Amino acid sequence: MISEELIEILACPEDKTPVHLADPDLLEQLNERIRAGELYTREGELVLDLLEEGLIRADGTVLYPVREGIPIMLVSESISLAAEEGAKA
């Protein structure tokens, strides 16, 4: 699990705003879409790996995946949450 200390120093690489840990309910919604082959990165690549954790940009519109405890802070790997209910959570 990603540490609170690390979350506090991380920022969105795109707009430099803070990030916070994604809610488990949101992760489950996204994982359902991954299982159905319906979730894409912002670059248009199909997301294949289920999300264990994620970091959400302060405005609630973008999620950066965390894989094996390592935040993947790349815009190309990020997932748009604009259409997700509860994205601000």
N, C-alpha and C. Protein backbone atom coordinates (compact mmCIF):
# COMPACT_ATOMS: atom_id res chain seq x y z
N MET A 1 0.84 -1.18 0.00
CA MET A 1 0.00 0.00 0.00
C MET A 1 0.89 1.25 0.00
N ILE A 2 0.47 2.23 -0.76
CA ILE A 2 1.24 3.47 -0.87
C ILE A 2 1.14 4.27 0.44
N SER A 3 2.25 4.85 0.86
CA SER A 3 2.28 5.55 2.14
C SER A 3 1.69 6.96 2.03
N GLU A 4 1.11 7.41 3.13
CA GLU A 4 0.54 8.77 3.20
C GLU A 4 1.62 9.82 2.95
N GLU A 5 2.84 9.56 3.43
CA GLU A 5 3.94 10.51 3.24
C GLU A 5 4.24 10.71 1.76
N LEU A 6 4.20 9.63 1.00
CA LEU A 6 4.45 9.72 -0.44
C LEU A 6 3.31 10.46 -1.14
N ILE A 7 2.08 10.15 -0.76
CA ILE A 7 0.93 10.82 -1.36
C ILE A 7 1.02 12.32 -1.14
N GLU A 8 1.46 12.73 0.03
CA GLU A 8 1.55 14.16 0.36
C GLU A 8 2.55 14.91 -0.51
N ILE A 9 3.58 14.24 -1.01
CA ILE A 9 4.58 14.96 -1.82
C ILE A 9 4.34 14.81 -3.32
N LEU A 10 3.45 13.91 -3.71
CA LEU A 10 3.16 13.73 -5.13
C LEU A 10 2.20 14.80 -5.64
N ALA A 11 2.31 15.09 -6.92
CA ALA A 11 1.41 16.02 -7.59
C ALA A 11 1.15 15.52 -9.00
N CYS A 12 0.03 15.94 -9.54
CA CYS A 12 -0.30 15.59 -10.92
C CYS A 12 0.78 16.17 -11.84
N PRO A 13 1.35 15.36 -12.72
CA PRO A 13 2.39 15.87 -13.61
C PRO A 13 1.86 16.85 -14.66
N GLU A 14 0.56 16.82 -14.88
CA GLU A 14 -0.04 17.66 -15.90
C GLU A 14 -0.31 19.08 -15.41
N ASP A 15 -0.92 19.19 -14.21
CA ASP A 15 -1.27 20.53 -13.73
C ASP A 15 -0.69 20.86 -12.35
N LYS A 16 0.11 19.95 -11.81
CA LYS A 16 0.84 20.15 -10.55
C LYS A 16 -0.04 20.27 -9.31
N THR A 17 -1.31 19.84 -9.40
CA THR A 17 -2.18 19.88 -8.23
C THR A 17 -1.97 18.62 -7.39
N PRO A 18 -2.37 18.66 -6.11
CA PRO A 18 -2.22 17.49 -5.24
C PRO A 18 -3.07 16.31 -5.72
N VAL A 19 -2.73 15.14 -5.22
CA VAL A 19 -3.48 13.93 -5.49
C VAL A 19 -3.88 13.29 -4.17
N HIS A 20 -4.92 12.47 -4.21
CA HIS A 20 -5.34 11.73 -3.02
C HIS A 20 -5.71 10.31 -3.43
N LEU A 21 -5.74 9.42 -2.45
CA LEU A 21 -6.01 8.01 -2.69
C LEU A 21 -7.46 7.81 -3.14
N ALA A 22 -7.65 6.98 -4.14
CA ALA A 22 -8.99 6.69 -4.67
C ALA A 22 -9.79 5.84 -3.69
N ASP A 23 -11.06 6.08 -3.67
CA ASP A 23 -12.02 5.34 -2.86
C ASP A 23 -12.15 3.91 -3.39
N PRO A 24 -12.24 2.91 -2.51
CA PRO A 24 -12.38 1.52 -2.96
C PRO A 24 -13.59 1.29 -3.86
N ASP A 25 -14.69 1.99 -3.62
CA ASP A 25 -15.88 1.81 -4.47
C ASP A 25 -15.60 2.26 -5.90
N LEU A 26 -14.89 3.37 -6.06
CA LEU A 26 -14.53 3.85 -7.39
C LEU A 26 -13.61 2.84 -8.08
N LEU A 27 -12.64 2.32 -7.33
CA LEU A 27 -11.73 1.32 -7.92
C LEU A 27 -12.50 0.10 -8.40
N GLU A 28 -13.50 -0.32 -7.64
CA GLU A 28 -14.29 -1.49 -8.05
C GLU A 28 -15.09 -1.18 -9.31
N GLN A 29 -15.65 0.03 -9.42
CA GLN A 29 -16.36 0.42 -10.64
C GLN A 29 -15.42 0.38 -11.85
N LEU A 30 -14.23 0.90 -11.67
CA LEU A 30 -13.25 0.91 -12.76
C LEU A 30 -12.81 -0.51 -13.10
N ASN A 31 -12.61 -1.35 -12.08
CA ASN A 31 -12.22 -2.74 -12.33
C ASN A 31 -13.30 -3.51 -13.09
N GLU A 32 -14.57 -3.20 -12.82
CA GLU A 32 -15.65 -3.83 -13.59
C GLU A 32 -15.53 -3.46 -15.06
N ARG A 33 -15.21 -2.21 -15.34
CA ARG A 33 -15.04 -1.78 -16.73
C ARG A 33 -13.80 -2.42 -17.36
N ILE A 34 -12.74 -2.62 -16.56
CA ILE A 34 -11.54 -3.29 -17.07
C ILE A 34 -11.89 -4.73 -17.45
N ARG A 35 -12.60 -5.42 -16.56
CA ARG A 35 -13.00 -6.81 -16.84
C ARG A 35 -13.85 -6.91 -18.10
N ALA A 36 -14.65 -5.89 -18.35
CA ALA A 36 -15.52 -5.87 -19.52
C ALA A 36 -14.80 -5.38 -20.78
N GLY A 37 -13.54 -4.97 -20.64
CA GLY A 37 -12.78 -4.48 -21.79
C GLY A 37 -13.25 -3.11 -22.25
N GLU A 38 -13.71 -2.29 -21.31
CA GLU A 38 -14.30 -0.99 -21.64
C GLU A 38 -13.55 0.21 -21.08
N LEU A 39 -12.39 0.01 -20.47
CA LEU A 39 -11.69 1.15 -19.86
C LEU A 39 -10.39 1.41 -20.62
N TYR A 40 -10.19 2.67 -20.95
CA TYR A 40 -9.02 3.09 -21.72
C TYR A 40 -8.25 4.18 -20.98
N THR A 41 -6.95 4.22 -21.24
CA THR A 41 -6.14 5.32 -20.72
C THR A 41 -6.50 6.59 -21.49
N ARG A 42 -6.04 7.71 -21.02
CA ARG A 42 -6.30 8.97 -21.71
C ARG A 42 -5.62 9.01 -23.08
N GLU A 43 -4.64 8.13 -23.28
CA GLU A 43 -3.96 8.04 -24.58
C GLU A 43 -4.69 7.08 -25.53
N GLY A 44 -5.73 6.41 -25.04
CA GLY A 44 -6.52 5.53 -25.89
C GLY A 44 -6.14 4.07 -25.84
N GLU A 45 -5.25 3.68 -24.92
CA GLU A 45 -4.85 2.28 -24.79
C GLU A 45 -5.82 1.56 -23.85
N LEU A 46 -6.20 0.34 -24.19
CA LEU A 46 -7.05 -0.47 -23.34
C LEU A 46 -6.33 -0.79 -22.03
N VAL A 47 -7.00 -0.59 -20.91
CA VAL A 47 -6.43 -0.93 -19.60
C VAL A 47 -6.66 -2.41 -19.37
N LEU A 48 -5.59 -3.16 -19.15
CA LEU A 48 -5.68 -4.61 -18.99
C LEU A 48 -5.52 -5.06 -17.54
N ASP A 49 -4.75 -4.33 -16.75
CA ASP A 49 -4.47 -4.72 -15.37
C ASP A 49 -5.48 -4.12 -14.42
N LEU A 50 -6.03 -4.95 -13.53
CA LEU A 50 -6.96 -4.45 -12.52
C LEU A 50 -6.24 -3.47 -11.60
N LEU A 51 -6.99 -2.53 -11.07
CA LEU A 51 -6.44 -1.50 -10.20
C LEU A 51 -6.50 -1.94 -8.74
N GLU A 52 -5.34 -1.95 -8.10
CA GLU A 52 -5.28 -2.23 -6.66
C GLU A 52 -5.44 -0.93 -5.89
N GLU A 53 -4.82 0.12 -6.42
CA GLU A 53 -4.89 1.46 -5.83
C GLU A 53 -4.82 2.46 -6.96
N GLY A 54 -5.16 3.69 -6.64
CA GLY A 54 -5.06 4.76 -7.61
C GLY A 54 -5.00 6.10 -6.90
N LEU A 55 -4.42 7.07 -7.57
CA LEU A 55 -4.34 8.42 -7.05
C LEU A 55 -5.17 9.33 -7.93
N ILE A 56 -6.02 10.12 -7.31
CA ILE A 56 -6.92 11.01 -8.03
C ILE A 56 -6.43 12.44 -7.92
N ARG A 57 -6.41 13.12 -9.06
CA ARG A 57 -6.04 14.53 -9.11
C ARG A 57 -7.07 15.34 -8.31
N ALA A 58 -6.64 16.46 -7.74
CA ALA A 58 -7.47 17.28 -6.86
C ALA A 58 -8.82 17.63 -7.45
N ASP A 59 -8.91 17.83 -8.76
CA ASP A 59 -10.19 18.19 -9.37
C ASP A 59 -11.10 16.97 -9.61
N GLY A 60 -10.60 15.76 -9.30
CA GLY A 60 -11.41 14.56 -9.41
C GLY A 60 -11.63 14.04 -10.81
N THR A 61 -10.89 14.53 -11.79
CA THR A 61 -11.15 14.13 -13.17
C THR A 61 -10.16 13.12 -13.74
N VAL A 62 -9.07 12.85 -13.02
CA VAL A 62 -8.02 11.98 -13.55
C VAL A 62 -7.53 11.04 -12.44
N LEU A 63 -7.32 9.77 -12.81
CA LEU A 63 -6.76 8.79 -11.88
C LEU A 63 -5.43 8.30 -12.44
N TYR A 64 -4.43 8.25 -11.57
CA TYR A 64 -3.13 7.66 -11.89
C TYR A 64 -3.07 6.31 -11.18
N PRO A 65 -2.82 5.23 -11.91
CA PRO A 65 -2.78 3.91 -11.27
C PRO A 65 -1.56 3.76 -10.36
N VAL A 66 -1.72 2.90 -9.37
CA VAL A 66 -0.62 2.51 -8.50
C VAL A 66 -0.45 1.02 -8.69
N ARG A 67 0.73 0.60 -9.13
CA ARG A 67 1.00 -0.82 -9.38
C ARG A 67 2.10 -1.31 -8.46
N GLU A 68 1.78 -2.33 -7.69
CA GLU A 68 2.73 -2.90 -6.73
C GLU A 68 3.30 -1.83 -5.82
N GLY A 69 2.45 -0.90 -5.39
CA GLY A 69 2.85 0.16 -4.48
C GLY A 69 3.58 1.32 -5.13
N ILE A 70 3.72 1.30 -6.45
CA ILE A 70 4.45 2.35 -7.17
C ILE A 70 3.46 3.20 -7.97
N PRO A 71 3.36 4.50 -7.66
CA PRO A 71 2.46 5.36 -8.42
C PRO A 71 2.99 5.56 -9.84
N ILE A 72 2.12 5.38 -10.82
CA ILE A 72 2.48 5.57 -12.22
C ILE A 72 1.99 6.97 -12.61
N MET A 73 2.84 7.95 -12.43
CA MET A 73 2.47 9.35 -12.61
C MET A 73 2.80 9.82 -14.03
N LEU A 74 2.25 9.11 -15.00
CA LEU A 74 2.44 9.44 -16.40
C LEU A 74 1.09 9.81 -17.00
N VAL A 75 1.02 10.95 -17.67
CA VAL A 75 -0.23 11.38 -18.28
C VAL A 75 -0.74 10.31 -19.25
N SER A 76 0.15 9.68 -19.99
CA SER A 76 -0.24 8.67 -20.97
C SER A 76 -0.87 7.43 -20.32
N GLU A 77 -0.56 7.16 -19.05
CA GLU A 77 -1.10 6.00 -18.33
C GLU A 77 -2.33 6.35 -17.49
N SER A 78 -2.65 7.63 -17.41
CA SER A 78 -3.76 8.07 -16.56
C SER A 78 -5.10 7.70 -17.18
N ILE A 79 -6.13 7.71 -16.33
CA ILE A 79 -7.48 7.34 -16.73
C ILE A 79 -8.40 8.51 -16.45
N SER A 80 -9.19 8.88 -17.44
CA SER A 80 -10.14 9.98 -17.25
C SER A 80 -11.31 9.50 -16.39
N LEU A 81 -11.68 10.31 -15.41
CA LEU A 81 -12.82 10.00 -14.55
C LEU A 81 -13.99 10.92 -14.83
N ALA A 82 -13.92 11.70 -15.84
CA ALA A 82 -14.95 12.70 -16.14
C ALA A 82 -16.34 12.08 -16.20
N ALA A 83 -16.47 10.86 -16.69
CA ALA A 83 -17.77 10.23 -16.84
C ALA A 83 -18.11 9.31 -15.68
N GLU A 84 -17.19 9.16 -14.72
CA GLU A 84 -17.41 8.25 -13.61
C GLU A 84 -18.20 8.91 -12.50
N GLU A 85 -19.23 8.24 -12.00
CA GLU A 85 -19.94 8.73 -10.83
C GLU A 85 -19.04 8.55 -9.63
N GLY A 86 -19.05 9.52 -8.74
CA GLY A 86 -18.24 9.43 -7.54
C GLY A 86 -16.79 9.77 -7.77
N ALA A 87 -16.44 10.33 -8.89
CA ALA A 87 -15.05 10.65 -9.19
C ALA A 87 -14.48 11.68 -8.23
N LYS A 88 -15.31 12.49 -7.65
CA LYS A 88 -14.83 13.51 -6.72
C LYS A 88 -14.56 12.93 -5.34
N ALA A 89 -14.99 11.69 -5.10
CA ALA A 89 -14.84 11.07 -3.78
C ALA A 89 -13.40 10.81 -3.43
